[in-house]
């Protein structure tokens, strides 16, 4: 499937990502979760100077050699920048437009505070309690006795 482009025989170290840079040389970069601390940034491992072909994917295989494989979804051509074509401006009829006045925005009512409401008892007209009539002893006053 993959064809070896150049035999480099790179031995990989743990925590590093190996790739082909823009100049066609094999480089490596520290992985974000590679474990252990080390120098940050990129390092060149070997200079190869490989010129890439369009429609191929370049990678470092298990043996440490630079290999390439045909991409399935590639069209095989470079994407070129499209030129913008000048569009003709059509003359528009001028129509009377209403002046955009300042729109009134609906204001929100302030939120009411929730208070613990006490149950209000209805006041009913109560009759005064009936007094018991007790049998009174008829007593004559002292004046009347004399």
Protein backbone atom coordinates (compact mmCIF):
# COMPACT_ATOMS: atom_id res chain seq x y z
CA UNK A 1 0.00 0.00 0.00
CA UNK A 2 2.51 2.62 1.13
CA UNK A 3 5.73 3.19 -0.78
CA UNK A 4 8.95 4.16 0.98
CA UNK A 5 10.24 7.50 -0.30
CA UNK A 6 13.44 7.71 1.73
CA UNK A 7 15.06 5.34 4.19
CA UNK A 8 15.92 7.31 7.30
CA UNK A 9 15.74 4.66 10.05
CA UNK A 10 14.56 7.06 12.74
CA UNK A 11 14.20 5.63 16.24
CA UNK A 12 11.23 7.15 17.96
CA UNK A 13 11.23 8.35 21.53
CA UNK A 14 8.20 8.30 23.76
CA UNK A 15 6.24 11.58 24.07
CA UNK A 16 7.24 13.00 20.68
CA UNK A 17 5.22 13.46 17.48
CA UNK A 18 7.23 12.83 14.29
CA UNK A 19 6.17 14.48 11.02
CA UNK A 20 7.37 15.85 7.67
CA UNK A 21 7.68 19.64 7.81
CA UNK A 22 7.13 22.16 4.99
CA UNK A 23 10.68 21.84 3.71
CA UNK A 24 10.40 18.07 3.43
CA UNK A 25 12.59 17.28 6.44
CA UNK A 26 11.67 14.97 9.32
CA UNK A 27 10.89 16.96 12.46
CA UNK A 28 9.48 16.22 15.86
CA UNK A 29 7.40 18.14 18.40
CA UNK A 30 6.55 17.48 22.04
CA UNK A 31 3.10 15.95 22.50
CA UNK A 32 0.69 17.75 24.79
CA UNK A 33 0.13 14.64 26.91
CA UNK A 34 3.34 12.87 26.11
CA UNK A 35 4.47 12.51 29.69
CA UNK A 36 7.61 13.98 31.15
CA UNK A 37 8.99 17.46 30.66
CA UNK A 38 11.37 18.36 27.94
CA UNK A 39 12.22 21.09 25.46
CA UNK A 40 9.21 22.79 23.91
CA UNK A 41 8.96 23.59 20.22
CA UNK A 42 10.10 21.70 17.14
CA UNK A 43 13.35 19.92 16.44
CA UNK A 44 14.71 18.74 13.11
CA UNK A 45 15.62 15.08 13.24
CA UNK A 46 17.04 14.53 9.73
CA UNK A 47 17.27 16.60 6.58
CA UNK A 48 15.68 14.81 3.63
CA UNK A 49 14.45 17.58 1.32
CA UNK A 50 11.54 15.53 -0.02
CA UNK A 51 9.36 17.28 -2.60
CA UNK A 52 5.73 16.40 -2.09
CA UNK A 53 3.34 15.28 -4.79
CA UNK A 54 -0.24 16.47 -4.78
CA UNK A 55 -2.76 13.84 -3.67
CA UNK A 56 -0.37 11.87 -1.43
CA UNK A 57 -0.13 11.61 2.33
CA UNK A 58 3.41 11.54 3.78
CA UNK A 59 4.20 9.90 7.12
CA UNK A 60 6.95 8.11 9.08
CA UNK A 61 6.27 4.37 9.11
CA UNK A 62 7.01 1.77 11.83
CA UNK A 63 10.56 1.23 10.62
CA UNK A 64 11.32 4.97 10.81
CA UNK A 65 11.34 5.53 7.02
CA UNK A 66 9.46 8.28 5.18
CA UNK A 67 6.56 6.77 3.24
CA UNK A 68 3.72 8.02 1.08
CA UNK A 69 0.25 6.72 0.26
CA UNK A 70 -2.39 7.89 -2.23
CA UNK A 71 -5.29 9.74 -0.60
CA UNK A 72 -8.68 8.33 -1.47
CA UNK A 73 -10.68 11.52 -1.43
CA UNK A 74 -8.18 13.83 -3.09
CA UNK A 75 -8.93 15.21 -6.53
CA UNK A 76 -5.26 15.22 -7.47
CA UNK A 77 -5.00 18.95 -8.15
CA UNK A 78 -4.05 21.98 -6.14
CA UNK A 79 -6.73 24.33 -4.99
CA UNK A 80 -6.24 27.69 -6.63
CA UNK A 81 -7.61 30.97 -5.48
CA UNK A 82 -10.68 31.91 -7.49
CA UNK A 83 -10.75 35.31 -9.08
CA UNK A 84 -13.68 37.48 -8.14
CA UNK A 85 -15.71 38.53 -11.12
CA UNK A 86 -16.98 42.07 -11.27
CA UNK A 87 -20.74 42.15 -10.95
CA UNK A 88 -22.77 44.76 -12.74
CA UNK A 89 -24.74 46.96 -10.44
CA UNK A 90 -28.35 47.27 -11.44
CA UNK A 91 -29.98 50.66 -11.13
CA UNK A 92 -32.52 50.68 -8.35
CA UNK A 93 -35.55 52.89 -8.30
CA UNK A 94 -35.55 55.38 -5.50
CA UNK A 95 -38.56 54.90 -3.30
CA UNK A 96 -39.75 57.11 -0.54
CA UNK A 97 -38.76 55.58 2.73
CA UNK A 98 -40.14 56.37 6.10
CA UNK A 99 -37.72 57.94 8.48
CA UNK A 100 -36.69 55.43 11.02
CA UNK A 101 -37.66 56.98 14.31
CA UNK A 102 -36.35 55.87 17.60
CA UNK A 103 -38.13 52.73 18.62
CA UNK A 104 -39.54 52.57 22.07
CA UNK A 105 -38.45 49.52 23.90
CA UNK A 106 -40.80 47.83 26.27
CA UNK A 107 -39.53 48.08 29.80
CA UNK A 108 -39.83 45.19 32.12
CA UNK A 109 -41.70 45.65 35.34
CA UNK A 110 -39.49 45.32 38.39
CA UNK A 111 -39.71 41.91 39.93
CA UNK A 112 -41.83 41.74 43.05
CA UNK A 113 -40.35 40.36 46.17
CA UNK A 114 -42.01 37.28 47.44
CA UNK A 115 -43.04 37.77 51.05
CA UNK A 116 -44.52 35.25 53.37
CA UNK A 117 -48.18 36.15 53.49
CA UNK A 118 -50.08 35.53 56.67
CA UNK A 119 -53.56 34.19 56.33
CA UNK A 120 -56.00 36.97 57.08
CA UNK A 121 -58.95 35.91 59.18
CA UNK A 122 -62.26 37.30 58.30
CA UNK A 123 -63.68 39.30 61.14
CA UNK A 124 -67.19 38.21 61.83
CA UNK A 125 -69.62 40.13 63.95
CA UNK A 126 -69.86 38.23 67.19
CA UNK A 127 -72.60 38.56 69.64
CA UNK A 128 -71.71 39.34 73.15
CA UNK A 129 -72.07 36.27 75.28
CA UNK A 130 -75.44 36.10 76.96
CA UNK A 131 -75.31 36.78 80.65
CA UNK A 132 -76.84 34.25 82.87
CA UNK A 133 -79.55 35.55 84.99
CA UNK A 134 -79.13 34.27 88.44
CA UNK A 135 -81.80 34.28 90.98
CA UNK A 136 -81.05 37.08 93.32
CA UNK A 137 -82.15 37.17 96.78
CA UNK A 138 -84.37 40.03 97.38
CA UNK A 139 -82.86 42.00 100.05
CA UNK A 140 -84.22 45.04 101.44
CA UNK A 141 -81.95 47.82 102.08
CA UNK A 142 -81.13 48.78 105.63
CA UNK A 143 -82.91 52.03 105.25
CA UNK A 144 -86.11 50.36 104.31
CA UNK A 145 -85.92 48.10 107.35
CA UNK A 146 -85.76 50.90 109.88
